[in-house]
Amino acid sequence: MFLGTYEPKLDDKGRIILPAKFRDELAGGMVVTRGQENCLYVFSTREFENLHEKIRQAPVTSKQARDYQRVFLSGASAETPDKQHRVTIPAPLRNYAGLDRDLVVIGVGSRAEIWDATAWATYLEAQEAAFSDTDEEVIPGLF
């Protein structure tokens, strides 16, 4: 499970050092792809395979499903960390997420997300008030 917030730097070659707590889960490989809200999603290879199986079950007759598959899967890149636990973020994905040197990597349970540090701060500030004001069941059976 991916949890927490980390602040790695993007090096000149477009690589980041994985947070220590994520290394075991991602050591065998990972898939980085476009996320929503202009961040990047990072899945372990195993988790991405499970997700892909669900995506494959979407009806090809659904335009919304086709559109989602195209955007989500066309940006996906299989990556393997090197011996220093660095992983390269491909240039098209760095551009999509507006990544500069300062990053924030967050754990979101089944995935990690990579954000530009400024974009994350803006997003979090906007969402914290809504989080506190939640007065209906957002996650069934939990809240």
N, C-alpha and C. Protein backbone atom coordinates (compact mmCIF):
# COMPACT_ATOMS: atom_id res chain seq x y z
N MET A 1 0.84 -1.17 0.00
CA MET A 1 0.00 0.00 0.00
C MET A 1 0.89 1.24 0.00
N PHE A 2 0.52 2.21 -0.82
CA PHE A 2 1.28 3.45 -0.91
C PHE A 2 0.65 4.50 -0.01
N LEU A 3 1.43 5.05 0.92
CA LEU A 3 0.96 6.06 1.86
C LEU A 3 2.02 7.14 2.01
N GLY A 4 1.60 8.32 2.38
CA GLY A 4 2.54 9.38 2.74
C GLY A 4 2.79 10.38 1.63
N THR A 5 3.59 11.39 1.99
CA THR A 5 3.97 12.48 1.08
C THR A 5 5.48 12.63 1.12
N TYR A 6 6.09 12.73 -0.05
CA TYR A 6 7.54 12.80 -0.17
C TYR A 6 7.89 13.89 -1.17
N GLU A 7 9.08 14.45 -1.06
CA GLU A 7 9.48 15.57 -1.91
C GLU A 7 10.81 15.31 -2.60
N PRO A 8 10.85 14.39 -3.56
CA PRO A 8 12.10 14.16 -4.29
C PRO A 8 12.33 15.26 -5.33
N LYS A 9 13.51 15.28 -5.89
CA LYS A 9 13.86 16.24 -6.95
C LYS A 9 13.99 15.47 -8.26
N LEU A 10 13.64 16.13 -9.34
CA LEU A 10 13.84 15.59 -10.68
C LEU A 10 15.24 15.99 -11.11
N ASP A 11 16.06 15.01 -11.53
CA ASP A 11 17.42 15.36 -11.94
C ASP A 11 17.44 15.81 -13.40
N ASP A 12 18.62 16.17 -13.87
CA ASP A 12 18.76 16.71 -15.23
C ASP A 12 18.44 15.69 -16.31
N LYS A 13 18.44 14.40 -15.96
CA LYS A 13 18.12 13.35 -16.93
C LYS A 13 16.66 12.90 -16.84
N GLY A 14 15.84 13.63 -16.07
CA GLY A 14 14.42 13.30 -15.96
C GLY A 14 14.15 12.11 -15.05
N ARG A 15 15.02 11.89 -14.06
CA ARG A 15 14.86 10.77 -13.14
C ARG A 15 14.53 11.27 -11.74
N ILE A 16 13.82 10.42 -11.00
CA ILE A 16 13.60 10.68 -9.58
C ILE A 16 14.07 9.46 -8.80
N ILE A 17 14.44 9.69 -7.57
CA ILE A 17 14.75 8.59 -6.66
C ILE A 17 13.45 8.23 -5.96
N LEU A 18 13.08 6.96 -6.03
CA LEU A 18 11.83 6.51 -5.42
C LEU A 18 11.88 6.66 -3.91
N PRO A 19 10.77 7.07 -3.30
CA PRO A 19 10.72 7.10 -1.83
C PRO A 19 11.04 5.71 -1.27
N ALA A 20 11.83 5.66 -0.20
CA ALA A 20 12.26 4.38 0.38
C ALA A 20 11.09 3.46 0.69
N LYS A 21 9.99 4.00 1.15
CA LYS A 21 8.84 3.17 1.52
C LYS A 21 8.12 2.57 0.31
N PHE A 22 8.42 3.04 -0.89
CA PHE A 22 7.77 2.52 -2.09
C PHE A 22 8.65 1.53 -2.85
N ARG A 23 9.91 1.43 -2.48
CA ARG A 23 10.88 0.68 -3.26
C ARG A 23 10.58 -0.81 -3.38
N ASP A 24 10.20 -1.45 -2.29
CA ASP A 24 9.93 -2.89 -2.35
C ASP A 24 8.79 -3.19 -3.32
N GLU A 25 7.72 -2.41 -3.24
CA GLU A 25 6.55 -2.64 -4.08
C GLU A 25 6.86 -2.39 -5.56
N LEU A 26 7.78 -1.48 -5.85
CA LEU A 26 8.06 -1.10 -7.23
C LEU A 26 9.36 -1.70 -7.79
N ALA A 27 10.08 -2.46 -6.97
CA ALA A 27 11.38 -3.00 -7.39
C ALA A 27 11.29 -3.86 -8.64
N GLY A 28 10.20 -4.60 -8.78
CA GLY A 28 10.04 -5.49 -9.93
C GLY A 28 9.55 -4.79 -11.18
N GLY A 29 9.30 -3.52 -11.10
CA GLY A 29 8.83 -2.76 -12.25
C GLY A 29 7.56 -1.99 -11.93
N MET A 30 7.29 -1.03 -12.77
CA MET A 30 6.13 -0.17 -12.55
C MET A 30 5.64 0.37 -13.88
N VAL A 31 4.46 0.92 -13.85
CA VAL A 31 3.91 1.61 -15.01
C VAL A 31 3.57 3.03 -14.56
N VAL A 32 4.07 3.99 -15.33
CA VAL A 32 3.78 5.41 -15.09
C VAL A 32 2.89 5.86 -16.23
N THR A 33 1.81 6.57 -15.90
CA THR A 33 0.89 7.02 -16.95
C THR A 33 0.23 8.34 -16.54
N ARG A 34 -0.51 8.90 -17.48
CA ARG A 34 -1.23 10.13 -17.18
C ARG A 34 -2.26 9.86 -16.08
N GLY A 35 -2.30 10.77 -15.13
CA GLY A 35 -3.34 10.71 -14.12
C GLY A 35 -4.32 11.85 -14.36
N GLN A 36 -5.31 11.90 -13.53
CA GLN A 36 -6.28 13.00 -13.63
C GLN A 36 -5.74 14.18 -12.83
N GLU A 37 -6.23 15.36 -13.08
CA GLU A 37 -5.76 16.61 -12.48
C GLU A 37 -4.28 16.88 -12.80
N ASN A 38 -3.82 16.42 -13.95
CA ASN A 38 -2.46 16.67 -14.43
C ASN A 38 -1.35 16.21 -13.49
N CYS A 39 -1.56 15.07 -12.89
CA CYS A 39 -0.48 14.41 -12.16
C CYS A 39 -0.17 13.12 -12.92
N LEU A 40 0.81 12.38 -12.44
CA LEU A 40 1.12 11.08 -13.01
C LEU A 40 0.74 10.00 -12.01
N TYR A 41 0.18 8.92 -12.52
CA TYR A 41 -0.12 7.75 -11.69
C TYR A 41 1.03 6.77 -11.83
N VAL A 42 1.40 6.14 -10.73
CA VAL A 42 2.44 5.13 -10.71
C VAL A 42 1.85 3.86 -10.08
N PHE A 43 1.84 2.80 -10.85
CA PHE A 43 1.32 1.50 -10.39
C PHE A 43 2.44 0.48 -10.41
N SER A 44 2.43 -0.44 -9.46
CA SER A 44 3.32 -1.59 -9.59
C SER A 44 2.86 -2.35 -10.84
N THR A 45 3.75 -3.13 -11.42
CA THR A 45 3.38 -3.88 -12.61
C THR A 45 2.19 -4.78 -12.31
N ARG A 46 2.19 -5.43 -11.16
CA ARG A 46 1.09 -6.32 -10.77
C ARG A 46 -0.23 -5.57 -10.68
N GLU A 47 -0.22 -4.41 -10.03
CA GLU A 47 -1.44 -3.62 -9.88
C GLU A 47 -1.93 -3.11 -11.23
N PHE A 48 -1.00 -2.72 -12.10
CA PHE A 48 -1.40 -2.24 -13.43
C PHE A 48 -2.02 -3.37 -14.25
N GLU A 49 -1.49 -4.57 -14.13
CA GLU A 49 -2.08 -5.71 -14.84
C GLU A 49 -3.51 -5.94 -14.38
N ASN A 50 -3.76 -5.84 -13.07
CA ASN A 50 -5.12 -5.99 -12.55
C ASN A 50 -6.03 -4.88 -13.08
N LEU A 51 -5.53 -3.67 -13.10
CA LEU A 51 -6.30 -2.54 -13.60
C LEU A 51 -6.57 -2.69 -15.09
N HIS A 52 -5.57 -3.12 -15.83
CA HIS A 52 -5.73 -3.30 -17.27
C HIS A 52 -6.80 -4.34 -17.58
N GLU A 53 -6.86 -5.38 -16.78
CA GLU A 53 -7.89 -6.41 -16.99
C GLU A 53 -9.28 -5.81 -16.85
N LYS A 54 -9.46 -4.93 -15.89
CA LYS A 54 -10.76 -4.26 -15.71
C LYS A 54 -11.05 -3.32 -16.88
N ILE A 55 -10.03 -2.60 -17.32
CA ILE A 55 -10.20 -1.67 -18.44
C ILE A 55 -10.60 -2.44 -19.70
N ARG A 56 -10.01 -3.59 -19.90
CA ARG A 56 -10.31 -4.41 -21.09
C ARG A 56 -11.77 -4.85 -21.14
N GLN A 57 -12.41 -4.90 -19.99
CA GLN A 57 -13.80 -5.36 -19.93
C GLN A 57 -14.80 -4.27 -20.31
N ALA A 58 -14.32 -3.05 -20.46
CA ALA A 58 -15.23 -1.95 -20.84
C ALA A 58 -15.74 -2.20 -22.25
N PRO A 59 -16.99 -1.88 -22.48
CA PRO A 59 -17.55 -2.13 -23.82
C PRO A 59 -16.92 -1.23 -24.87
N VAL A 60 -16.50 -1.81 -25.98
CA VAL A 60 -15.90 -1.04 -27.07
C VAL A 60 -16.93 -0.12 -27.71
N THR A 61 -18.19 -0.36 -27.46
CA THR A 61 -19.25 0.48 -28.01
C THR A 61 -19.44 1.78 -27.23
N SER A 62 -18.80 1.89 -26.06
CA SER A 62 -18.92 3.10 -25.25
C SER A 62 -17.85 4.11 -25.65
N LYS A 63 -18.27 5.26 -26.17
CA LYS A 63 -17.32 6.30 -26.56
C LYS A 63 -16.51 6.78 -25.37
N GLN A 64 -17.15 6.96 -24.23
CA GLN A 64 -16.43 7.44 -23.04
C GLN A 64 -15.36 6.42 -22.61
N ALA A 65 -15.69 5.13 -22.68
CA ALA A 65 -14.71 4.11 -22.34
C ALA A 65 -13.54 4.12 -23.33
N ARG A 66 -13.83 4.23 -24.61
CA ARG A 66 -12.77 4.29 -25.62
C ARG A 66 -11.87 5.50 -25.40
N ASP A 67 -12.49 6.65 -25.16
CA ASP A 67 -11.71 7.87 -24.93
C ASP A 67 -10.80 7.71 -23.72
N TYR A 68 -11.34 7.18 -22.63
CA TYR A 68 -10.55 6.99 -21.41
C TYR A 68 -9.39 6.03 -21.68
N GLN A 69 -9.68 4.91 -22.33
CA GLN A 69 -8.62 3.94 -22.64
C GLN A 69 -7.51 4.57 -23.46
N ARG A 70 -7.88 5.34 -24.45
CA ARG A 70 -6.88 5.96 -25.33
C ARG A 70 -5.96 6.90 -24.57
N VAL A 71 -6.55 7.78 -23.78
CA VAL A 71 -5.74 8.75 -23.05
C VAL A 71 -4.90 8.06 -21.98
N PHE A 72 -5.52 7.15 -21.23
CA PHE A 72 -4.85 6.49 -20.12
C PHE A 72 -3.74 5.56 -20.60
N LEU A 73 -4.03 4.71 -21.56
CA LEU A 73 -3.07 3.70 -21.98
C LEU A 73 -2.02 4.22 -22.96
N SER A 74 -2.36 5.21 -23.78
CA SER A 74 -1.38 5.71 -24.74
C SER A 74 -0.21 6.42 -24.06
N GLY A 75 -0.43 6.91 -22.86
CA GLY A 75 0.64 7.58 -22.13
C GLY A 75 1.41 6.66 -21.21
N ALA A 76 1.00 5.40 -21.11
CA ALA A 76 1.61 4.48 -20.15
C ALA A 76 3.03 4.10 -20.58
N SER A 77 3.91 4.04 -19.60
CA SER A 77 5.30 3.67 -19.85
C SER A 77 5.76 2.71 -18.77
N ALA A 78 6.21 1.52 -19.19
CA ALA A 78 6.76 0.54 -18.25
C ALA A 78 8.18 0.95 -17.91
N GLU A 79 8.48 1.02 -16.63
CA GLU A 79 9.80 1.45 -16.16
C GLU A 79 10.31 0.50 -15.09
N THR A 80 11.62 0.39 -14.99
CA THR A 80 12.25 -0.42 -13.96
C THR A 80 13.29 0.44 -13.25
N PRO A 81 13.23 0.50 -11.92
CA PRO A 81 14.21 1.31 -11.19
C PRO A 81 15.62 0.75 -11.37
N ASP A 82 16.60 1.65 -11.38
CA ASP A 82 17.99 1.19 -11.45
C ASP A 82 18.48 0.84 -10.04
N LYS A 83 19.76 0.50 -9.92
CA LYS A 83 20.31 0.06 -8.63
C LYS A 83 20.33 1.15 -7.58
N GLN A 84 20.25 2.41 -8.02
CA GLN A 84 20.19 3.53 -7.07
C GLN A 84 18.74 3.93 -6.78
N HIS A 85 17.78 3.09 -7.20
CA HIS A 85 16.35 3.32 -6.98
C HIS A 85 15.82 4.54 -7.74
N ARG A 86 16.47 4.85 -8.86
CA ARG A 86 16.01 5.95 -9.70
C ARG A 86 15.15 5.39 -10.82
N VAL A 87 14.20 6.18 -11.22
CA VAL A 87 13.35 5.81 -12.35
C VAL A 87 13.21 7.03 -13.26
N THR A 88 13.27 6.77 -14.56
CA THR A 88 13.13 7.84 -15.53
C THR A 88 11.66 8.11 -15.80
N ILE A 89 11.31 9.38 -15.79
CA ILE A 89 9.96 9.81 -16.17
C ILE A 89 10.06 10.29 -17.62
N PRO A 90 9.43 9.59 -18.57
CA PRO A 90 9.54 9.99 -19.97
C PRO A 90 9.11 11.44 -20.20
N ALA A 91 9.78 12.09 -21.14
CA ALA A 91 9.53 13.51 -21.42
C ALA A 91 8.06 13.84 -21.69
N PRO A 92 7.33 13.03 -22.49
CA PRO A 92 5.91 13.39 -22.70
C PRO A 92 5.09 13.40 -21.40
N LEU A 93 5.43 12.51 -20.48
CA LEU A 93 4.71 12.49 -19.20
C LEU A 93 5.14 13.66 -18.32
N ARG A 94 6.42 14.01 -18.35
CA ARG A 94 6.88 15.18 -17.60
C ARG A 94 6.17 16.43 -18.11
N ASN A 95 6.04 16.54 -19.42
CA ASN A 95 5.35 17.70 -20.01
C ASN A 95 3.88 17.73 -19.63
N TYR A 96 3.21 16.57 -19.70
CA TYR A 96 1.79 16.49 -19.36
C TYR A 96 1.54 17.00 -17.93
N ALA A 97 2.39 16.57 -17.00
CA ALA A 97 2.19 16.92 -15.59
C ALA A 97 2.87 18.24 -15.22
N GLY A 98 3.55 18.89 -16.17
CA GLY A 98 4.22 20.15 -15.89
C GLY A 98 5.32 20.01 -14.86
N LEU A 99 6.02 18.87 -14.89
CA LEU A 99 7.03 18.62 -13.86
C LEU A 99 8.27 19.45 -14.09
N ASP A 100 8.72 20.06 -13.02
CA ASP A 100 9.97 20.79 -12.99
C ASP A 100 10.85 20.08 -11.97
N ARG A 101 11.82 20.73 -11.44
CA ARG A 101 12.75 20.07 -10.50
C ARG A 101 12.07 19.64 -9.19
N ASP A 102 11.23 20.49 -8.63
CA ASP A 102 10.60 20.22 -7.33
C ASP A 102 9.32 19.42 -7.53
N LEU A 103 9.29 18.24 -6.91
CA LEU A 103 8.17 17.32 -7.06
C LEU A 103 7.58 16.98 -5.71
N VAL A 104 6.37 16.45 -5.75
CA VAL A 104 5.75 15.82 -4.59
C VAL A 104 5.25 14.46 -5.06
N VAL A 105 5.61 13.43 -4.31
CA VAL A 105 5.11 12.08 -4.58
C VAL A 105 4.24 11.70 -3.41
N ILE A 106 2.99 11.32 -3.70
CA ILE A 106 2.07 10.95 -2.63
C ILE A 106 1.63 9.51 -2.82
N GLY A 107 1.35 8.87 -1.70
CA GLY A 107 0.78 7.53 -1.73
C GLY A 107 -0.72 7.63 -1.67
N VAL A 108 -1.40 6.89 -2.56
CA VAL A 108 -2.86 6.92 -2.63
C VAL A 108 -3.37 5.48 -2.61
N GLY A 109 -2.87 4.70 -1.67
CA GLY A 109 -3.33 3.32 -1.54
C GLY A 109 -2.75 2.40 -2.59
N SER A 110 -3.49 2.16 -3.66
CA SER A 110 -3.06 1.21 -4.68
C SER A 110 -2.11 1.82 -5.70
N ARG A 111 -1.87 3.12 -5.61
CA ARG A 111 -0.98 3.78 -6.55
C ARG A 111 -0.24 4.91 -5.83
N ALA A 112 0.81 5.38 -6.48
CA ALA A 112 1.47 6.62 -6.08
C ALA A 112 1.13 7.65 -7.14
N GLU A 113 1.24 8.91 -6.78
CA GLU A 113 1.05 9.99 -7.74
C GLU A 113 2.26 10.91 -7.68
N ILE A 114 2.65 11.41 -8.85
CA ILE A 114 3.75 12.36 -8.94
C ILE A 114 3.16 13.69 -9.40
N TRP A 115 3.43 14.73 -8.62
CA TRP A 115 2.91 16.07 -8.88
C TRP A 115 4.05 17.08 -8.96
N ASP A 116 3.88 18.10 -9.75
CA ASP A 116 4.71 19.29 -9.64
C ASP A 116 4.42 19.87 -8.25
N ALA A 117 5.46 20.30 -7.53
CA ALA A 117 5.27 20.75 -6.15
C ALA A 117 4.28 21.91 -6.03
N THR A 118 4.36 22.87 -6.93
CA THR A 118 3.44 24.01 -6.88
C THR A 118 2.02 23.58 -7.19
N ALA A 119 1.85 22.72 -8.18
CA ALA A 119 0.51 22.23 -8.53
C ALA A 119 -0.10 21.46 -7.37
N TRP A 120 0.71 20.65 -6.67
CA TRP A 120 0.20 19.89 -5.52
C TRP A 120 -0.23 20.85 -4.40
N ALA A 121 0.57 21.84 -4.11
CA ALA A 121 0.23 22.78 -3.04
C ALA A 121 -1.08 23.50 -3.35
N THR A 122 -1.26 23.90 -4.59
CA THR A 122 -2.50 24.57 -5.02
C THR A 122 -3.68 23.62 -4.90
N TYR A 123 -3.52 22.40 -5.38
CA TYR A 123 -4.60 21.41 -5.32
C TYR A 123 -4.97 21.12 -3.87
N LEU A 124 -3.97 20.85 -3.04
CA LEU A 124 -4.23 20.49 -1.65
C LEU A 124 -4.93 21.61 -0.89
N GLU A 125 -4.49 22.83 -1.12
CA GLU A 125 -5.13 23.98 -0.45
C GLU A 125 -6.61 24.07 -0.84
N ALA A 126 -6.90 23.86 -2.11
CA ALA A 126 -8.29 23.94 -2.57
C ALA A 126 -9.14 22.79 -2.03
N GLN A 127 -8.54 21.63 -1.83
CA GLN A 127 -9.29 20.46 -1.42
C GLN A 127 -9.45 20.31 0.09
N GLU A 128 -8.56 20.90 0.87
CA GLU A 128 -8.62 20.71 2.32
C GLU A 128 -9.92 21.23 2.92
N ALA A 129 -10.41 22.37 2.46
CA ALA A 129 -11.67 22.90 2.98
C ALA A 129 -12.82 21.97 2.63
N ALA A 130 -12.85 21.48 1.40
CA ALA A 130 -13.91 20.55 0.99
C ALA A 130 -13.83 19.26 1.79
N PHE A 131 -12.62 18.80 2.09
CA PHE A 131 -12.41 17.60 2.89
C PHE A 131 -13.03 17.78 4.28
N SER A 132 -12.78 18.91 4.89
CA SER A 132 -13.32 19.20 6.22
C SER A 132 -14.83 19.35 6.21
N ASP A 133 -15.37 19.84 5.11
CA ASP A 133 -16.80 20.10 5.03
C ASP A 133 -17.63 18.92 4.53
N THR A 134 -16.99 17.79 4.25
CA THR A 134 -17.73 16.64 3.74
C THR A 134 -18.80 16.22 4.74
N ASP A 135 -20.05 16.21 4.26
CA ASP A 135 -21.15 15.87 5.17
C ASP A 135 -22.04 14.77 4.60
N GLU A 136 -21.57 14.09 3.57
CA GLU A 136 -22.31 12.97 3.01
C GLU A 136 -21.36 11.81 2.78
N GLU A 137 -21.91 10.67 2.56
CA GLU A 137 -21.09 9.48 2.37
C GLU A 137 -20.40 9.55 1.02
N VAL A 138 -19.08 9.77 1.05
CA VAL A 138 -18.29 9.84 -0.17
C VAL A 138 -17.78 8.47 -0.56
N ILE A 139 -17.31 7.72 0.44
CA ILE A 139 -16.83 6.36 0.23
C ILE A 139 -17.81 5.44 0.95
N PRO A 140 -18.61 4.68 0.19
CA PRO A 140 -19.66 3.85 0.78
C PRO A 140 -19.15 2.96 1.92
N GLY A 141 -19.86 3.05 3.04
CA GLY A 141 -19.55 2.24 4.20
C GLY A 141 -18.41 2.74 5.04
N LEU A 142 -17.76 3.84 4.64
CA LEU A 142 -16.62 4.34 5.38
C LEU A 142 -16.91 5.70 6.00
N PHE A 143 -17.34 6.64 5.20
CA PHE A 143 -17.61 7.99 5.69
C PHE A 143 -19.03 8.38 5.33
